[in-house]
Amino acid sequence: MTSTSTAPEIDVRDLRVLVTAGGSGIGRTVAESFAASGAKVHVTDVAEGALAAAVDAGLSGTVGDVSSIADVDRAFDDVSASLGGLDVLVNNAGIAGPTGVVDALDAPDVDRTIDVNLKSQFYFLNRFVPFLKASRRNPSIIAMSSVAGRLGYGQRTPYAATKWAIVGLVKSLAVELGPLGIRANAILPGVVQGERMNRVIADRAAALGVKFDEMREDYLRKISLRRMVDAIDVANLSLFLASNLARNISGQAISVDGNVEYL
């Protein structure tokens, strides 16, 4: 008997999507993947050059610091004008924070890590959840955590603390917003190839007094698949979570990491 069924497709066409820190790195890949799949995408970024390049590539955007309430308010005004509402909020912005033993960390570095990685998520939620409540397009929140949000990470305690907090935030949002039809999930990327990861490896190598290549190999040994992931792997999961294929997935912390065993 011939089957008339077709394979399910990830469909995010015409979804209105905001990606914070979408001018470069994982955020840029996520934003461009949504746009290439037919979504309407707005990005924010603190780097004017990166933001300008994203706009030149066809995205709309707002320059601003995600830890500044005034800048978040400006992004809200721009999204209102460019998209007229919102269906998907991708809270992607984050920084690596300081590397070092906890009793040697500088307070301003710790504060900055918390401001960018965690407090910014609350600022965008506070402003944009009303838009999600008004959406009739399977609205969702995607928060970027990290494999450091499920494992301990010595020498990187401020970063790890914020990424664990994001998982708790998402699980609580799923409970709070679920009755309104809004889903919330966290993505936990592992060791993602790129300049940022190279800087992290270099800083950790310096802190431990070893060579860069030796430190890089140490990271790979901790991954079951013995390879880093690419930003597109994170983007693909973002598309899935925003689509109707994931309509009953909420409150989850999903790793894309090749199975990092320990940090």
C-alpha atoms as a PDB file:
ATOM      1  CA  MET A   1       0.000   0.000   0.000  1.00  0.00           C
ATOM      2  CA  THR A   2       1.343   3.409  -0.938  1.00  0.00           C
ATOM      3  CA  SER A   3       1.657   5.852   1.927  1.00  0.00           C
ATOM      4  CA  THR A   4       0.404   9.393   1.385  1.00  0.00           C
ATOM      5  CA  SER A   5       2.078  10.733   4.504  1.00  0.00           C
ATOM      6  CA  THR A   6       4.996  13.126   4.231  1.00  0.00           C
ATOM      7  CA  ALA A   7       7.971  13.626   6.472  1.00  0.00           C
ATOM      8  CA  PRO A   8       7.458  16.397   9.043  1.00  0.00           C
ATOM      9  CA  GLU A   9       9.183  19.656   8.264  1.00  0.00           C
ATOM     10  CA  ILE A  10      10.438  22.365  10.574  1.00  0.00           C
ATOM     11  CA  ASP A  11       8.296  25.341   9.620  1.00  0.00           C
ATOM     12  CA  VAL A  12       9.091  28.750  11.126  1.00  0.00           C
ATOM     13  CA  ARG A  13       7.840  30.821   8.209  1.00  0.00           C
ATOM     14  CA  ASP A  14       6.629  34.307   9.169  1.00  0.00           C
ATOM     15  CA  LEU A  15       7.415  33.846  12.845  1.00  0.00           C
ATOM     16  CA  ARG A  16       8.551  37.103  14.422  1.00  0.00           C
ATOM     17  CA  VAL A  17      11.850  36.415  16.174  1.00  0.00           C
ATOM     18  CA  LEU A  18      14.155  38.485  18.377  1.00  0.00           C
ATOM     19  CA  VAL A  19      17.727  37.267  18.929  1.00  0.00           C
ATOM     20  CA  THR A  20      19.825  39.113  21.487  1.00  0.00           C
ATOM     21  CA  ALA A  21      23.537  39.416  20.674  1.00  0.00           C
ATOM     22  CA  GLY A  22      22.659  38.370  17.148  1.00  0.00           C
ATOM     23  CA  GLY A  23      25.375  40.311  15.365  1.00  0.00           C
ATOM     24  CA  SER A  24      28.048  37.622  15.563  1.00  0.00           C
ATOM     25  CA  GLY A  25      28.850  34.135  16.825  1.00  0.00           C
ATOM     26  CA  ILE A  26      26.081  31.722  17.751  1.00  0.00           C
ATOM     27  CA  GLY A  27      23.519  34.511  17.782  1.00  0.00           C
ATOM     28  CA  ARG A  28      24.275  35.534  14.207  1.00  0.00           C
ATOM     29  CA  THR A  29      24.033  31.923  13.017  1.00  0.00           C
ATOM     30  CA  VAL A  30      20.721  31.465  14.842  1.00  0.00           C
ATOM     31  CA  ALA A  31      19.336  34.713  13.426  1.00  0.00           C
ATOM     32  CA  GLU A  32      20.399  33.955   9.854  1.00  0.00           C
ATOM     33  CA  SER A  33      19.013  30.406  10.080  1.00  0.00           C
ATOM     34  CA  PHE A  34      15.619  31.717  11.145  1.00  0.00           C
ATOM     35  CA  ALA A  35      15.677  34.329   8.367  1.00  0.00           C
ATOM     36  CA  ALA A  36      16.715  31.766   5.753  1.00  0.00           C
ATOM     37  CA  SER A  37      13.783  29.618   6.870  1.00  0.00           C
ATOM     38  CA  GLY A  38      11.289  32.423   6.294  1.00  0.00           C
ATOM     39  CA  ALA A  39      11.055  34.039   9.734  1.00  0.00           C
ATOM     40  CA  LYS A  40      11.107  37.774  10.341  1.00  0.00           C
ATOM     41  CA  VAL A  41      14.144  38.458  12.509  1.00  0.00           C
ATOM     42  CA  HIS A  42      15.349  41.367  14.622  1.00  0.00           C
ATOM     43  CA  VAL A  43      18.693  41.279  16.432  1.00  0.00           C
ATOM     44  CA  THR A  44      20.436  43.317  19.084  1.00  0.00           C
ATOM     45  CA  ASP A  45      24.166  43.693  19.579  1.00  0.00           C
ATOM     46  CA  VAL A  46      26.477  45.907  21.586  1.00  0.00           C
ATOM     47  CA  ALA A  47      29.051  45.969  18.755  1.00  0.00           C
ATOM     48  CA  GLU A  48      28.027  48.524  16.150  1.00  0.00           C
ATOM     49  CA  GLY A  49      30.121  46.927  13.408  1.00  0.00           C
ATOM     50  CA  ALA A  50      28.631  43.477  13.971  1.00  0.00           C
ATOM     51  CA  LEU A  51      25.133  44.918  14.095  1.00  0.00           C
ATOM     52  CA  ALA A  52      25.694  46.857  10.870  1.00  0.00           C
ATOM     53  CA  ALA A  53      26.889  43.686   9.126  1.00  0.00           C
ATOM     54  CA  ALA A  54      23.780  41.822  10.289  1.00  0.00           C
ATOM     55  CA  VAL A  55      21.545  44.607   8.973  1.00  0.00           C
ATOM     56  CA  ASP A  56      23.415  44.587   5.670  1.00  0.00           C
ATOM     57  CA  ALA A  57      22.663  40.849   5.498  1.00  0.00           C
ATOM     58  CA  GLY A  58      18.933  41.586   5.635  1.00  0.00           C
ATOM     59  CA  LEU A  59      18.093  41.556   9.341  1.00  0.00           C
ATOM     60  CA  SER A  60      16.664  44.464  11.288  1.00  0.00           C
ATOM     61  CA  GLY A  61      18.577  45.446  14.383  1.00  0.00           C
ATOM     62  CA  THR A  62      19.179  47.611  17.430  1.00  0.00           C
ATOM     63  CA  VAL A  63      22.551  48.620  18.833  1.00  0.00           C
ATOM     64  CA  GLY A  64      22.612  48.317  22.586  1.00  0.00           C
ATOM     65  CA  ASP A  65      23.914  46.724  25.766  1.00  0.00           C
ATOM     66  CA  VAL A  66      21.589  43.952  26.961  1.00  0.00           C
ATOM     67  CA  SER A  67      22.389  44.848  30.577  1.00  0.00           C
ATOM     68  CA  SER A  68      21.039  48.393  30.086  1.00  0.00           C
ATOM     69  CA  ILE A  69      17.313  48.779  30.708  1.00  0.00           C
ATOM     70  CA  ALA A  70      17.268  51.898  28.522  1.00  0.00           C
ATOM     71  CA  ASP A  71      18.799  49.945  25.632  1.00  0.00           C
ATOM     72  CA  VAL A  72      16.302  47.113  26.119  1.00  0.00           C
ATOM     73  CA  ASP A  73      13.495  49.666  26.002  1.00  0.00           C
ATOM     74  CA  ARG A  74      14.895  50.997  22.712  1.00  0.00           C
ATOM     75  CA  ALA A  75      15.005  47.462  21.322  1.00  0.00           C
ATOM     76  CA  PHE A  76      11.369  47.056  22.327  1.00  0.00           C
ATOM     77  CA  ASP A  77      10.423  50.186  20.395  1.00  0.00           C
ATOM     78  CA  ASP A  78      12.359  48.989  17.343  1.00  0.00           C
ATOM     79  CA  VAL A  79      10.801  45.508  17.435  1.00  0.00           C
ATOM     80  CA  SER A  80       7.363  47.072  17.770  1.00  0.00           C
ATOM     81  CA  ALA A  81       8.049  49.150  14.666  1.00  0.00           C
ATOM     82  CA  SER A  82       9.757  46.469  12.561  1.00  0.00           C
ATOM     83  CA  LEU A  83       7.844  43.321  13.544  1.00  0.00           C
ATOM     84  CA  GLY A  84       4.646  44.602  15.157  1.00  0.00           C
ATOM     85  CA  GLY A  85       4.868  41.929  17.859  1.00  0.00           C
ATOM     86  CA  LEU A  86       6.868  38.831  18.745  1.00  0.00           C
ATOM     87  CA  ASP A  87       6.458  35.049  18.598  1.00  0.00           C
ATOM     88  CA  VAL A  88       9.929  33.837  19.644  1.00  0.00           C
ATOM     89  CA  LEU A  89      12.380  35.410  22.073  1.00  0.00           C
ATOM     90  CA  VAL A  90      15.904  34.007  21.850  1.00  0.00           C
ATOM     91  CA  ASN A  91      17.745  35.249  24.941  1.00  0.00           C
ATOM     92  CA  ASN A  92      21.198  34.512  23.581  1.00  0.00           C
ATOM     93  CA  ALA A  93      23.462  37.263  24.946  1.00  0.00           C
ATOM     94  CA  GLY A  94      26.307  36.180  27.168  1.00  0.00           C
ATOM     95  CA  ILE A  95      29.963  36.698  27.966  1.00  0.00           C
ATOM     96  CA  ALA A  96      32.668  34.292  29.123  1.00  0.00           C
ATOM     97  CA  GLY A  97      33.450  36.215  32.274  1.00  0.00           C
ATOM     98  CA  PRO A  98      36.709  36.014  34.221  1.00  0.00           C
ATOM     99  CA  THR A  99      38.943  32.956  34.521  1.00  0.00           C
ATOM    100  CA  GLY A 100      40.608  32.299  37.854  1.00  0.00           C
ATOM    101  CA  VAL A 101      40.214  30.938  41.371  1.00  0.00           C
ATOM    102  CA  VAL A 102      37.204  32.317  43.192  1.00  0.00           C
ATOM    103  CA  ASP A 103      39.193  34.182  45.859  1.00  0.00           C
ATOM    104  CA  ALA A 104      41.143  36.081  43.220  1.00  0.00           C
ATOM    105  CA  LEU A 105      38.246  37.307  41.076  1.00  0.00           C
ATOM    106  CA  ASP A 106      37.604  41.034  40.734  1.00  0.00           C
ATOM    107  CA  ALA A 107      34.128  42.136  41.814  1.00  0.00           C
ATOM    108  CA  PRO A 108      33.492  44.263  38.687  1.00  0.00           C
ATOM    109  CA  ASP A 109      34.192  41.241  36.460  1.00  0.00           C
ATOM    110  CA  VAL A 110      31.769  39.112  38.472  1.00  0.00           C
ATOM    111  CA  ASP A 111      29.115  41.831  38.372  1.00  0.00           C
ATOM    112  CA  ARG A 112      29.481  42.275  34.614  1.00  0.00           C
ATOM    113  CA  THR A 113      29.083  38.527  34.027  1.00  0.00           C
ATOM    114  CA  ILE A 114      25.890  38.428  36.082  1.00  0.00           C
ATOM    115  CA  ASP A 115      24.544  41.590  34.439  1.00  0.00           C
ATOM    116  CA  VAL A 116      25.030  40.358  30.875  1.00  0.00           C
ATOM    117  CA  ASN A 117      24.355  36.643  31.265  1.00  0.00           C
ATOM    118  CA  LEU A 118      21.484  36.652  33.734  1.00  0.00           C
ATOM    119  CA  LYS A 119      19.968  40.028  34.495  1.00  0.00           C
ATOM    120  CA  SER A 120      19.610  40.796  30.794  1.00  0.00           C
ATOM    121  CA  GLN A 121      17.331  37.769  30.453  1.00  0.00           C
ATOM    122  CA  PHE A 122      14.963  39.296  33.015  1.00  0.00           C
ATOM    123  CA  TYR A 123      15.051  42.682  31.282  1.00  0.00           C
ATOM    124  CA  PHE A 124      14.028  41.205  27.926  1.00  0.00           C
ATOM    125  CA  LEU A 125      11.436  38.930  29.511  1.00  0.00           C
ATOM    126  CA  ASN A 126       9.896  41.851  31.360  1.00  0.00           C
ATOM    127  CA  ARG A 127       9.569  43.842  28.146  1.00  0.00           C
ATOM    128  CA  PHE A 128       8.668  41.149  25.621  1.00  0.00           C
ATOM    129  CA  VAL A 129       6.546  38.574  27.444  1.00  0.00           C
ATOM    130  CA  PRO A 130       3.463  40.789  26.875  1.00  0.00           C
ATOM    131  CA  PHE A 131       4.103  40.395  23.124  1.00  0.00           C
ATOM    132  CA  LEU A 132       4.377  36.621  23.548  1.00  0.00           C
ATOM    133  CA  LYS A 133       1.107  36.572  25.477  1.00  0.00           C
ATOM    134  CA  ALA A 134      -0.561  38.243  22.492  1.00  0.00           C
ATOM    135  CA  SER A 135       0.950  35.790  19.964  1.00  0.00           C
ATOM    136  CA  ARG A 136      -1.167  33.050  18.422  1.00  0.00           C
ATOM    137  CA  ARG A 137       1.826  31.396  16.719  1.00  0.00           C
ATOM    138  CA  ASN A 138       3.012  28.835  19.293  1.00  0.00           C
ATOM    139  CA  PRO A 139       4.996  31.477  21.230  1.00  0.00           C
ATOM    140  CA  SER A 140       8.193  30.418  22.937  1.00  0.00           C
ATOM    141  CA  ILE A 141      11.269  31.528  24.817  1.00  0.00           C
ATOM    142  CA  ILE A 142      14.651  30.011  24.011  1.00  0.00           C
ATOM    143  CA  ALA A 143      17.343  30.820  26.570  1.00  0.00           C
ATOM    144  CA  MET A 144      20.989  30.144  25.854  1.00  0.00           C
ATOM    145  CA  SER A 145      22.590  28.376  28.791  1.00  0.00           C
ATOM    146  CA  SER A 146      25.683  26.167  28.459  1.00  0.00           C
ATOM    147  CA  VAL A 147      27.025  22.735  29.247  1.00  0.00           C
ATOM    148  CA  ALA A 148      28.405  24.690  32.218  1.00  0.00           C
ATOM    149  CA  GLY A 149      24.771  24.894  33.290  1.00  0.00           C
ATOM    150  CA  ARG A 150      24.734  21.166  34.074  1.00  0.00           C
ATOM    151  CA  LEU A 151      28.364  20.538  35.129  1.00  0.00           C
ATOM    152  CA  GLY A 152      30.722  22.138  37.599  1.00  0.00           C
ATOM    153  CA  TYR A 153      33.333  24.391  35.989  1.00  0.00           C
ATOM    154  CA  GLY A 154      36.332  25.257  38.116  1.00  0.00           C
ATOM    155  CA  GLN A 155      38.130  28.541  37.351  1.00  0.00           C
ATOM    156  CA  ARG A 156      34.934  29.794  35.667  1.00  0.00           C
ATOM    157  CA  THR A 157      32.545  30.085  38.621  1.00  0.00           C
ATOM    158  CA  PRO A 158      30.749  33.346  37.654  1.00  0.00           C
ATOM    159  CA  TYR A 159      29.983  31.989  34.181  1.00  0.00           C
ATOM    160  CA  ALA A 160      28.831  28.607  35.478  1.00  0.00           C
ATOM    161  CA  ALA A 161      26.654  30.189  38.159  1.00  0.00           C
ATOM    162  CA  THR A 162      24.772  32.294  35.603  1.00  0.00           C
ATOM    163  CA  LYS A 163      24.296  29.353  33.242  1.00  0.00           C
ATOM    164  CA  TRP A 164      22.885  27.144  36.015  1.00  0.00           C
ATOM    165  CA  ALA A 165      20.585  30.026  36.960  1.00  0.00           C
ATOM    166  CA  ILE A 166      19.259  30.218  33.402  1.00  0.00           C
ATOM    167  CA  VAL A 167      18.164  26.577  33.588  1.00  0.00           C
ATOM    168  CA  GLY A 168      16.247  27.316  36.788  1.00  0.00           C
ATOM    169  CA  LEU A 169      14.762  30.417  35.186  1.00  0.00           C
ATOM    170  CA  VAL A 170      13.508  28.469  32.162  1.00  0.00           C
ATOM    171  CA  LYS A 171      11.959  25.705  34.249  1.00  0.00           C
ATOM    172  CA  SER A 172      10.164  28.331  36.335  1.00  0.00           C
ATOM    173  CA  LEU A 173       9.021  30.243  33.240  1.00  0.00           C
ATOM    174  CA  ALA A 174       7.557  27.037  31.815  1.00  0.00           C
ATOM    175  CA  VAL A 175       5.422  26.672  34.955  1.00  0.00           C
ATOM    176  CA  GLU A 176       4.456  30.339  35.070  1.00  0.00           C
ATOM    177  CA  LEU A 177       3.704  30.880  31.388  1.00  0.00           C
ATOM    178  CA  GLY A 178       2.564  27.411  30.325  1.00  0.00           C
ATOM    179  CA  PRO A 179      -1.109  28.054  31.167  1.00  0.00           C
ATOM    180  CA  LEU A 180      -0.922  30.997  28.746  1.00  0.00           C
ATOM    181  CA  GLY A 181       0.388  28.771  25.959  1.00  0.00           C
ATOM    182  CA  ILE A 182       3.957  30.079  26.094  1.00  0.00           C
ATOM    183  CA  ARG A 183       6.765  27.513  26.071  1.00  0.00           C
ATOM    184  CA  ALA A 184      10.240  28.042  27.548  1.00  0.00           C
ATOM    185  CA  ASN A 185      13.343  25.940  26.951  1.00  0.00           C
ATOM    186  CA  ALA A 186      17.076  26.261  27.452  1.00  0.00           C
ATOM    187  CA  ILE A 187      19.772  25.221  25.007  1.00  0.00           C
ATOM    188  CA  LEU A 188      23.072  24.096  26.518  1.00  0.00           C
ATOM    189  CA  PRO A 189      25.815  24.360  23.879  1.00  0.00           C
ATOM    190  CA  GLY A 190      29.041  22.517  24.546  1.00  0.00           C
ATOM    191  CA  VAL A 191      32.443  23.397  23.153  1.00  0.00           C
ATOM    192  CA  VAL A 192      31.514  25.473  20.098  1.00  0.00           C
ATOM    193  CA  GLN A 193      34.185  26.042  17.479  1.00  0.00           C
ATOM    194  CA  GLY A 194      35.099  29.656  16.891  1.00  0.00           C
ATOM    195  CA  GLU A 195      37.057  32.673  18.086  1.00  0.00           C
ATOM    196  CA  ARG A 196      35.259  32.915  21.411  1.00  0.00           C
ATOM    197  CA  MET A 197      36.105  29.328  22.330  1.00  0.00           C
ATOM    198  CA  ASN A 198      39.702  29.906  21.293  1.00  0.00           C
ATOM    199  CA  ARG A 199      39.864  32.820  23.730  1.00  0.00           C
ATOM    200  CA  VAL A 200      38.359  30.691  26.504  1.00  0.00           C
ATOM    201  CA  ILE A 201      40.903  27.939  25.871  1.00  0.00           C
ATOM    202  CA  ALA A 202      43.756  30.446  25.762  1.00  0.00           C
ATOM    203  CA  ASP A 203      42.666  32.060  29.063  1.00  0.00           C
ATOM    204  CA  ARG A 204      42.328  28.685  30.773  1.00  0.00           C
ATOM    205  CA  ALA A 205      45.700  27.538  29.405  1.00  0.00           C
ATOM    206  CA  ALA A 206      47.312  30.686  30.775  1.00  0.00           C
ATOM    207  CA  ALA A 207      45.622  30.250  34.155  1.00  0.00           C
ATOM    208  CA  LEU A 208      46.866  26.668  34.417  1.00  0.00           C
ATOM    209  CA  GLY A 209      50.282  27.325  32.900  1.00  0.00           C
ATOM    210  CA  VAL A 210      49.955  24.971  29.918  1.00  0.00           C
ATOM    211  CA  LYS A 211      50.167  25.400  26.133  1.00  0.00           C
ATOM    212  CA  PHE A 212      47.112  26.279  24.030  1.00  0.00           C
ATOM    213  CA  ASP A 213      47.224  23.056  21.969  1.00  0.00           C
ATOM    214  CA  GLU A 214      47.517  20.963  25.104  1.00  0.00           C
ATOM    215  CA  MET A 215      44.505  22.741  26.613  1.00  0.00           C
ATOM    216  CA  ARG A 216      42.492  22.283  23.412  1.00  0.00           C
ATOM    217  CA  GLU A 217      43.188  18.546  23.389  1.00  0.00           C
ATOM    218  CA  ASP A 218      42.158  18.385  27.026  1.00  0.00           C
ATOM    219  CA  TYR A 219      38.773  19.872  26.097  1.00  0.00           C
ATOM    220  CA  LEU A 220      38.308  17.330  23.293  1.00  0.00           C
ATOM    221  CA  ARG A 221      39.108  14.394  25.584  1.00  0.00           C
ATOM    222  CA  LYS A 222      36.185  15.403  27.762  1.00  0.00           C
ATOM    223  CA  ILE A 223      33.718  15.075  24.850  1.00  0.00           C
ATOM    224  CA  SER A 224      32.378  11.588  24.084  1.00  0.00           C
ATOM    225  CA  LEU A 225      32.309  12.291  20.332  1.00  0.00           C
ATOM    226  CA  ARG A 226      35.786  13.837  20.545  1.00  0.00           C
ATOM    227  CA  ARG A 227      34.803  16.841  18.484  1.00  0.00           C
ATOM    228  CA  MET A 228      33.525  20.352  19.011  1.00  0.00           C
ATOM    229  CA  VAL A 229      30.090  21.385  17.822  1.00  0.00           C
ATOM    230  CA  ASP A 230      29.334  24.110  15.294  1.00  0.00           C
ATOM    231  CA  ALA A 231      27.091  27.133  15.751  1.00  0.00           C
ATOM    232  CA  ILE A 232      24.739  25.692  13.125  1.00  0.00           C
ATOM    233  CA  ASP A 233      24.053  22.756  15.452  1.00  0.00           C
ATOM    234  CA  VAL A 234      22.725  25.231  18.009  1.00  0.00           C
ATOM    235  CA  ALA A 235      20.747  27.066  15.331  1.00  0.00           C
ATOM    236  CA  ASN A 236      19.118  23.848  14.122  1.00  0.00           C
ATOM    237  CA  LEU A 237      17.880  23.062  17.622  1.00  0.00           C
ATOM    238  CA  SER A 238      16.589  26.624  17.953  1.00  0.00           C
ATOM    239  CA  LEU A 239      14.538  26.219  14.774  1.00  0.00           C
ATOM    240  CA  PHE A 240      13.103  22.934  16.015  1.00  0.00           C
ATOM    241  CA  LEU A 241      12.166  24.351  19.423  1.00  0.00           C
ATOM    242  CA  ALA A 242      10.443  27.328  17.803  1.00  0.00           C
ATOM    243  CA  SER A 243       8.426  25.141  15.432  1.00  0.00           C
ATOM    244  CA  ASN A 244       5.162  23.282  15.881  1.00  0.00           C
ATOM    245  CA  LEU A 245       7.134  20.030  15.948  1.00  0.00           C
ATOM    246  CA  ALA A 246       8.119  21.045  19.485  1.00  0.00           C
ATOM    247  CA  ARG A 247       4.688  22.312  20.536  1.00  0.00           C
ATOM    248  CA  ASN A 248       4.661  20.125  23.650  1.00  0.00           C
ATOM    249  CA  ILE A 249       8.288  20.624  24.633  1.00  0.00           C
ATOM    250  CA  SER A 250       8.662  23.092  27.485  1.00  0.00           C
ATOM    251  CA  GLY A 251      10.709  23.467  30.631  1.00  0.00           C
ATOM    252  CA  GLN A 252      13.597  21.488  29.167  1.00  0.00           C
ATOM    253  CA  ALA A 253      17.364  22.022  29.261  1.00  0.00           C
ATOM    254  CA  ILE A 254      18.690  20.410  26.084  1.00  0.00           C
ATOM    255  CA  SER A 255      22.401  19.928  25.474  1.00  0.00           C
ATOM    256  CA  VAL A 256      24.065  20.231  22.065  1.00  0.00           C
ATOM    257  CA  ASP A 257      27.558  19.164  23.019  1.00  0.00           C
ATOM    258  CA  GLY A 258      28.614  15.774  21.683  1.00  0.00           C
ATOM    259  CA  ASN A 259      28.119  14.656  25.303  1.00  0.00           C
ATOM    260  CA  VAL A 260      30.619  16.594  27.364  1.00  0.00           C
ATOM    261  CA  GLU A 261      31.388  14.241  30.228  1.00  0.00           C
ATOM    262  CA  TYR A 262      33.036  16.734  32.598  1.00  0.00           C
ATOM    263  CA  LEU A 263      34.651  20.172  32.566  1.00  0.00           C
END
